[in-house]
Amino acid sequence: MMDASQGYHQIMLAPEDRKKVSFVTSEGTFCYVAMPFGLKNAGATYQRLVDKIFRPEIGRNVEVYVDDMLVKRKKTEEHVKDLDETFSVLRKYKLKLNPVKCAFGVQGGRFLGFMATQRGIEAQSSQNQTHY
């Protein structure tokens, strides 16, 4: 399980778009060079990016939702190859991970409010209860 570091801030803005996200302070007018949090379409833009760059892996050995990634495989040898493939994609697109929020070599864990286990991704029992 992996978590991207500073999510949206890893997406550089095109120079012609930077003036569209400028802000004014007493020191002057400044423009973001990377996508800031709070833009209306930032989440959708980031999701499109990860969907595009991980397209060959999604469903086969990776699940990705915005900045959360899960590399899944039952056999250790295949898992190591899949991690290498995923890291290659991350390096190619210069995306960084938050090591504090990453877990490697685990049998399962919490992923987006669900439990990822060797059986698959399952709802946690507390989520299955109906509350009135």
N, C-alpha and C. Protein backbone atom coordinates (compact mmCIF):
# COMPACT_ATOMS: atom_id res chain seq x y z
N MET A 1 0.84 -1.16 0.00
CA MET A 1 0.00 0.00 0.00
C MET A 1 0.89 1.22 0.00
N MET A 2 0.55 2.16 -0.86
CA MET A 2 1.39 3.35 -1.01
C MET A 2 0.53 4.61 -1.05
N ASP A 3 1.13 5.70 -0.65
CA ASP A 3 0.46 6.98 -0.63
C ASP A 3 1.38 8.01 -1.29
N ALA A 4 0.86 8.74 -2.25
CA ALA A 4 1.67 9.76 -2.93
C ALA A 4 1.89 10.94 -1.99
N SER A 5 3.06 11.49 -2.07
CA SER A 5 3.43 12.63 -1.23
C SER A 5 2.91 13.92 -1.86
N GLN A 6 2.19 14.69 -1.11
CA GLN A 6 1.70 16.00 -1.53
C GLN A 6 0.91 15.97 -2.83
N GLY A 7 0.25 14.86 -3.10
CA GLY A 7 -0.65 14.67 -4.24
C GLY A 7 -0.61 15.70 -5.34
N TYR A 8 -1.55 16.64 -5.30
CA TYR A 8 -1.72 17.58 -6.41
C TYR A 8 -0.48 18.43 -6.66
N HIS A 9 0.27 18.73 -5.63
CA HIS A 9 1.45 19.59 -5.79
C HIS A 9 2.52 18.95 -6.67
N GLN A 10 2.37 17.69 -7.02
CA GLN A 10 3.34 17.04 -7.89
C GLN A 10 3.02 17.26 -9.37
N ILE A 11 1.87 17.85 -9.66
CA ILE A 11 1.49 18.11 -11.05
C ILE A 11 1.86 19.54 -11.39
N MET A 12 2.79 19.69 -12.32
CA MET A 12 3.23 21.02 -12.73
C MET A 12 2.20 21.63 -13.67
N LEU A 13 1.96 22.91 -13.50
CA LEU A 13 1.03 23.63 -14.37
C LEU A 13 1.75 24.08 -15.64
N ALA A 14 1.04 24.08 -16.74
CA ALA A 14 1.60 24.61 -17.99
C ALA A 14 1.84 26.11 -17.78
N PRO A 15 2.95 26.63 -18.30
CA PRO A 15 3.26 28.06 -18.09
C PRO A 15 2.10 28.99 -18.45
N GLU A 16 1.37 28.67 -19.52
CA GLU A 16 0.26 29.54 -19.93
C GLU A 16 -0.94 29.47 -18.98
N ASP A 17 -0.99 28.46 -18.11
CA ASP A 17 -2.10 28.32 -17.16
C ASP A 17 -1.78 28.90 -15.79
N ARG A 18 -0.54 29.22 -15.53
CA ARG A 18 -0.15 29.68 -14.20
C ARG A 18 -0.84 30.98 -13.79
N LYS A 19 -1.04 31.87 -14.74
CA LYS A 19 -1.69 33.15 -14.41
C LYS A 19 -3.14 32.95 -13.98
N LYS A 20 -3.73 31.81 -14.34
CA LYS A 20 -5.12 31.52 -13.98
C LYS A 20 -5.26 31.16 -12.50
N VAL A 21 -4.17 30.82 -11.86
CA VAL A 21 -4.20 30.47 -10.43
C VAL A 21 -3.28 31.40 -9.64
N SER A 22 -3.31 32.66 -10.01
CA SER A 22 -2.48 33.64 -9.30
C SER A 22 -3.20 34.11 -8.04
N PHE A 23 -2.44 34.69 -7.15
CA PHE A 23 -3.01 35.24 -5.92
C PHE A 23 -2.23 36.49 -5.55
N VAL A 24 -2.89 37.38 -4.85
CA VAL A 24 -2.32 38.68 -4.52
C VAL A 24 -2.07 38.76 -3.02
N THR A 25 -0.89 39.27 -2.67
CA THR A 25 -0.56 39.53 -1.27
C THR A 25 -0.05 40.96 -1.18
N SER A 26 0.27 41.40 0.01
CA SER A 26 0.84 42.74 0.17
C SER A 26 2.22 42.83 -0.48
N GLU A 27 2.83 41.69 -0.74
CA GLU A 27 4.16 41.65 -1.36
C GLU A 27 4.10 41.62 -2.89
N GLY A 28 2.90 41.42 -3.45
CA GLY A 28 2.77 41.38 -4.90
C GLY A 28 1.86 40.26 -5.36
N THR A 29 1.85 40.03 -6.67
CA THR A 29 1.04 38.97 -7.28
C THR A 29 1.94 37.78 -7.56
N PHE A 30 1.47 36.60 -7.19
CA PHE A 30 2.25 35.38 -7.36
C PHE A 30 1.41 34.33 -8.08
N CYS A 31 2.09 33.43 -8.77
CA CYS A 31 1.43 32.35 -9.50
C CYS A 31 1.96 31.01 -9.02
N TYR A 32 1.06 30.06 -8.90
CA TYR A 32 1.48 28.70 -8.59
C TYR A 32 2.18 28.10 -9.81
N VAL A 33 3.19 27.29 -9.58
CA VAL A 33 3.83 26.55 -10.68
C VAL A 33 3.38 25.08 -10.66
N ALA A 34 2.83 24.66 -9.52
CA ALA A 34 2.27 23.31 -9.39
C ALA A 34 0.80 23.45 -9.00
N MET A 35 0.02 22.42 -9.29
CA MET A 35 -1.41 22.47 -9.00
C MET A 35 -1.64 22.58 -7.50
N PRO A 36 -2.32 23.64 -7.07
CA PRO A 36 -2.60 23.78 -5.64
C PRO A 36 -3.83 22.99 -5.23
N PHE A 37 -3.93 22.69 -3.94
CA PHE A 37 -5.15 22.10 -3.40
C PHE A 37 -6.24 23.16 -3.48
N GLY A 38 -7.47 22.73 -3.63
CA GLY A 38 -8.58 23.66 -3.62
C GLY A 38 -9.11 24.03 -4.99
N LEU A 39 -8.39 23.71 -6.06
CA LEU A 39 -8.94 23.97 -7.39
C LEU A 39 -10.12 23.04 -7.63
N LYS A 40 -11.14 23.54 -8.28
CA LYS A 40 -12.37 22.77 -8.47
C LYS A 40 -12.12 21.42 -9.13
N ASN A 41 -11.28 21.36 -10.12
CA ASN A 41 -11.05 20.12 -10.87
C ASN A 41 -9.76 19.40 -10.49
N ALA A 42 -9.12 19.80 -9.40
CA ALA A 42 -7.83 19.21 -9.04
C ALA A 42 -7.94 17.70 -8.80
N GLY A 43 -8.96 17.28 -8.07
CA GLY A 43 -9.13 15.85 -7.80
C GLY A 43 -9.34 15.04 -9.06
N ALA A 44 -10.20 15.54 -9.94
CA ALA A 44 -10.47 14.84 -11.20
C ALA A 44 -9.24 14.83 -12.10
N THR A 45 -8.49 15.93 -12.10
CA THR A 45 -7.26 16.00 -12.91
C THR A 45 -6.24 14.99 -12.41
N TYR A 46 -6.06 14.92 -11.10
CA TYR A 46 -5.10 13.97 -10.54
C TYR A 46 -5.54 12.53 -10.83
N GLN A 47 -6.84 12.25 -10.70
CA GLN A 47 -7.34 10.90 -10.97
C GLN A 47 -7.11 10.53 -12.43
N ARG A 48 -7.37 11.46 -13.36
CA ARG A 48 -7.11 11.19 -14.78
C ARG A 48 -5.64 10.87 -15.02
N LEU A 49 -4.76 11.60 -14.33
CA LEU A 49 -3.32 11.35 -14.47
C LEU A 49 -2.97 9.93 -14.04
N VAL A 50 -3.38 9.53 -12.84
CA VAL A 50 -3.01 8.20 -12.37
C VAL A 50 -3.70 7.10 -13.18
N ASP A 51 -4.93 7.35 -13.63
CA ASP A 51 -5.60 6.37 -14.49
C ASP A 51 -4.83 6.18 -15.79
N LYS A 52 -4.31 7.27 -16.33
CA LYS A 52 -3.57 7.19 -17.60
C LYS A 52 -2.21 6.51 -17.42
N ILE A 53 -1.45 6.92 -16.42
CA ILE A 53 -0.09 6.38 -16.31
C ILE A 53 -0.06 4.94 -15.80
N PHE A 54 -1.09 4.54 -15.04
CA PHE A 54 -1.15 3.16 -14.54
C PHE A 54 -2.12 2.28 -15.33
N ARG A 55 -2.61 2.77 -16.47
CA ARG A 55 -3.61 2.02 -17.25
C ARG A 55 -3.23 0.55 -17.47
N PRO A 56 -1.99 0.23 -17.89
CA PRO A 56 -1.66 -1.18 -18.12
C PRO A 56 -1.70 -2.04 -16.85
N GLU A 57 -1.58 -1.43 -15.69
CA GLU A 57 -1.52 -2.17 -14.43
C GLU A 57 -2.86 -2.26 -13.69
N ILE A 58 -3.72 -1.26 -13.88
CA ILE A 58 -4.98 -1.19 -13.13
C ILE A 58 -5.83 -2.42 -13.41
N GLY A 59 -6.27 -3.05 -12.33
CA GLY A 59 -7.08 -4.26 -12.43
C GLY A 59 -6.25 -5.53 -12.49
N ARG A 60 -5.05 -5.43 -13.01
CA ARG A 60 -4.17 -6.59 -13.11
C ARG A 60 -3.36 -6.75 -11.82
N ASN A 61 -2.65 -5.71 -11.45
CA ASN A 61 -1.82 -5.81 -10.25
C ASN A 61 -1.82 -4.54 -9.40
N VAL A 62 -2.57 -3.54 -9.82
CA VAL A 62 -2.60 -2.27 -9.09
C VAL A 62 -4.04 -1.76 -9.02
N GLU A 63 -4.38 -1.19 -7.88
CA GLU A 63 -5.60 -0.41 -7.74
C GLU A 63 -5.15 0.97 -7.29
N VAL A 64 -5.72 2.00 -7.87
CA VAL A 64 -5.29 3.35 -7.54
C VAL A 64 -6.51 4.27 -7.46
N TYR A 65 -6.55 5.05 -6.39
CA TYR A 65 -7.60 6.04 -6.23
C TYR A 65 -6.94 7.32 -5.75
N VAL A 66 -6.93 8.30 -6.60
CA VAL A 66 -6.26 9.58 -6.38
C VAL A 66 -4.82 9.31 -5.94
N ASP A 67 -4.47 9.56 -4.69
CA ASP A 67 -3.07 9.39 -4.28
C ASP A 67 -2.81 8.11 -3.51
N ASP A 68 -3.79 7.21 -3.44
CA ASP A 68 -3.63 5.93 -2.75
C ASP A 68 -3.46 4.81 -3.77
N MET A 69 -2.43 3.98 -3.58
CA MET A 69 -2.14 2.88 -4.50
C MET A 69 -1.99 1.58 -3.74
N LEU A 70 -2.46 0.52 -4.35
CA LEU A 70 -2.35 -0.81 -3.78
C LEU A 70 -1.78 -1.73 -4.86
N VAL A 71 -0.60 -2.28 -4.60
CA VAL A 71 0.00 -3.26 -5.51
C VAL A 71 -0.34 -4.62 -4.93
N LYS A 72 -1.02 -5.44 -5.72
CA LYS A 72 -1.57 -6.69 -5.20
C LYS A 72 -1.05 -7.88 -5.99
N ARG A 73 -0.64 -8.89 -5.27
CA ARG A 73 -0.20 -10.16 -5.87
C ARG A 73 -0.08 -11.16 -4.75
N LYS A 74 -0.38 -12.41 -5.02
CA LYS A 74 -0.31 -13.44 -3.99
C LYS A 74 1.09 -14.02 -3.84
N LYS A 75 1.82 -14.14 -4.94
CA LYS A 75 3.15 -14.73 -4.88
C LYS A 75 4.21 -13.64 -4.74
N THR A 76 5.14 -13.85 -3.82
CA THR A 76 6.17 -12.86 -3.52
C THR A 76 6.98 -12.50 -4.76
N GLU A 77 7.38 -13.49 -5.55
CA GLU A 77 8.21 -13.22 -6.73
C GLU A 77 7.49 -12.29 -7.70
N GLU A 78 6.21 -12.55 -7.93
CA GLU A 78 5.42 -11.71 -8.83
C GLU A 78 5.21 -10.32 -8.23
N HIS A 79 5.03 -10.28 -6.91
CA HIS A 79 4.80 -9.01 -6.23
C HIS A 79 6.01 -8.09 -6.38
N VAL A 80 7.20 -8.64 -6.25
CA VAL A 80 8.42 -7.85 -6.39
C VAL A 80 8.51 -7.27 -7.81
N LYS A 81 8.18 -8.06 -8.82
CA LYS A 81 8.19 -7.58 -10.21
C LYS A 81 7.15 -6.48 -10.39
N ASP A 82 5.98 -6.66 -9.79
CA ASP A 82 4.92 -5.66 -9.91
C ASP A 82 5.30 -4.36 -9.21
N LEU A 83 5.94 -4.46 -8.05
CA LEU A 83 6.42 -3.26 -7.37
C LEU A 83 7.44 -2.53 -8.23
N ASP A 84 8.35 -3.29 -8.85
CA ASP A 84 9.35 -2.69 -9.73
C ASP A 84 8.68 -1.95 -10.89
N GLU A 85 7.66 -2.58 -11.47
CA GLU A 85 6.92 -1.94 -12.57
C GLU A 85 6.25 -0.65 -12.09
N THR A 86 5.64 -0.70 -10.92
CA THR A 86 4.97 0.47 -10.37
C THR A 86 5.97 1.58 -10.06
N PHE A 87 7.09 1.22 -9.45
CA PHE A 87 8.12 2.22 -9.15
C PHE A 87 8.68 2.84 -10.43
N SER A 88 8.81 2.05 -11.49
CA SER A 88 9.29 2.57 -12.77
C SER A 88 8.34 3.64 -13.30
N VAL A 89 7.05 3.39 -13.19
CA VAL A 89 6.05 4.37 -13.64
C VAL A 89 6.16 5.64 -12.78
N LEU A 90 6.25 5.47 -11.47
CA LEU A 90 6.37 6.62 -10.58
C LEU A 90 7.61 7.44 -10.91
N ARG A 91 8.74 6.77 -11.15
CA ARG A 91 9.98 7.48 -11.52
C ARG A 91 9.83 8.20 -12.85
N LYS A 92 9.26 7.51 -13.84
CA LYS A 92 9.09 8.09 -15.18
C LYS A 92 8.33 9.41 -15.12
N TYR A 93 7.30 9.46 -14.29
CA TYR A 93 6.47 10.66 -14.19
C TYR A 93 6.84 11.54 -13.00
N LYS A 94 7.96 11.21 -12.35
CA LYS A 94 8.52 12.00 -11.25
C LYS A 94 7.53 12.21 -10.10
N LEU A 95 6.77 11.16 -9.81
CA LEU A 95 5.85 11.20 -8.67
C LEU A 95 6.54 10.59 -7.45
N LYS A 96 6.36 11.21 -6.32
CA LYS A 96 7.02 10.76 -5.10
C LYS A 96 6.00 10.19 -4.12
N LEU A 97 6.49 9.28 -3.29
CA LEU A 97 5.65 8.64 -2.28
C LEU A 97 5.93 9.24 -0.91
N ASN A 98 4.96 9.12 -0.02
CA ASN A 98 5.13 9.49 1.37
C ASN A 98 5.51 8.22 2.13
N PRO A 99 6.79 8.02 2.46
CA PRO A 99 7.22 6.76 3.08
C PRO A 99 6.54 6.45 4.41
N VAL A 100 6.11 7.47 5.13
CA VAL A 100 5.45 7.26 6.42
C VAL A 100 4.11 6.55 6.22
N LYS A 101 3.45 6.79 5.09
CA LYS A 101 2.14 6.20 4.84
C LYS A 101 2.19 4.97 3.94
N CYS A 102 3.38 4.48 3.63
CA CYS A 102 3.52 3.30 2.78
C CYS A 102 3.77 2.06 3.64
N ALA A 103 3.25 0.93 3.18
CA ALA A 103 3.47 -0.35 3.88
C ALA A 103 3.77 -1.40 2.82
N PHE A 104 4.90 -2.09 2.99
CA PHE A 104 5.32 -3.11 2.04
C PHE A 104 5.43 -4.46 2.73
N GLY A 105 5.15 -5.51 1.98
CA GLY A 105 5.29 -6.86 2.52
C GLY A 105 4.23 -7.23 3.54
N VAL A 106 3.08 -6.59 3.47
CA VAL A 106 2.01 -6.89 4.42
C VAL A 106 0.99 -7.82 3.78
N GLN A 107 0.33 -8.60 4.60
CA GLN A 107 -0.69 -9.53 4.11
C GLN A 107 -2.02 -8.82 3.85
N GLY A 108 -2.20 -7.67 4.45
CA GLY A 108 -3.43 -6.93 4.27
C GLY A 108 -3.36 -5.64 5.06
N GLY A 109 -4.40 -4.85 4.91
CA GLY A 109 -4.46 -3.59 5.64
C GLY A 109 -5.62 -2.76 5.15
N ARG A 110 -5.77 -1.63 5.77
CA ARG A 110 -6.87 -0.73 5.43
C ARG A 110 -6.53 0.05 4.17
N PHE A 111 -7.45 0.07 3.22
CA PHE A 111 -7.27 0.78 1.96
C PHE A 111 -8.58 1.47 1.62
N LEU A 112 -8.60 2.80 1.70
CA LEU A 112 -9.79 3.60 1.38
C LEU A 112 -11.01 3.20 2.21
N GLY A 113 -10.80 2.87 3.46
CA GLY A 113 -11.91 2.49 4.33
C GLY A 113 -12.35 1.05 4.19
N PHE A 114 -11.66 0.29 3.36
CA PHE A 114 -11.94 -1.14 3.18
C PHE A 114 -10.75 -1.92 3.70
N MET A 115 -10.92 -3.23 3.82
CA MET A 115 -9.81 -4.09 4.20
C MET A 115 -9.31 -4.82 2.96
N ALA A 116 -8.03 -4.64 2.67
CA ALA A 116 -7.40 -5.38 1.58
C ALA A 116 -6.77 -6.62 2.19
N THR A 117 -7.20 -7.79 1.73
CA THR A 117 -6.67 -9.06 2.24
C THR A 117 -6.27 -9.93 1.06
N GLN A 118 -5.78 -11.13 1.34
CA GLN A 118 -5.43 -12.05 0.27
C GLN A 118 -6.66 -12.47 -0.53
N ARG A 119 -7.83 -12.35 0.07
CA ARG A 119 -9.07 -12.71 -0.64
C ARG A 119 -9.53 -11.60 -1.57
N GLY A 120 -9.05 -10.40 -1.35
CA GLY A 120 -9.47 -9.25 -2.16
C GLY A 120 -9.73 -8.05 -1.28
N ILE A 121 -10.47 -7.10 -1.82
CA ILE A 121 -10.82 -5.90 -1.07
C ILE A 121 -12.23 -6.09 -0.54
N GLU A 122 -12.37 -6.01 0.79
CA GLU A 122 -13.63 -6.31 1.46
C GLU A 122 -14.09 -5.14 2.30
N ALA A 123 -15.40 -5.00 2.43
CA ALA A 123 -15.95 -3.99 3.34
C ALA A 123 -15.68 -4.43 4.77
N GLN A 124 -15.39 -3.49 5.63
CA GLN A 124 -15.19 -3.82 7.04
C GLN A 124 -16.56 -4.06 7.67
N SER A 125 -16.61 -4.92 8.67
CA SER A 125 -17.88 -5.30 9.27
C SER A 125 -18.65 -4.10 9.80
N SER A 126 -17.97 -3.09 10.33
CA SER A 126 -18.67 -1.92 10.85
C SER A 126 -19.36 -1.14 9.73
N GLN A 127 -18.88 -1.28 8.50
CA GLN A 127 -19.51 -0.60 7.37
C GLN A 127 -20.74 -1.35 6.89
N ASN A 128 -20.86 -2.61 7.24
CA ASN A 128 -21.98 -3.42 6.80
C ASN A 128 -23.22 -3.23 7.66
N GLN A 129 -23.08 -2.56 8.79
CA GLN A 129 -24.19 -2.38 9.70
C GLN A 129 -25.04 -1.19 9.28
N THR A 130 -26.34 -1.32 9.43
CA THR A 130 -27.26 -0.23 9.15
C THR A 130 -27.52 0.52 10.44
N HIS A 131 -27.40 1.82 10.40
CA HIS A 131 -27.64 2.65 11.58
C HIS A 131 -28.90 3.47 11.37
N TYR A 132 -29.77 3.46 12.39
CA TYR A 132 -31.02 4.23 12.32
C TYR A 132 -30.99 5.36 13.30
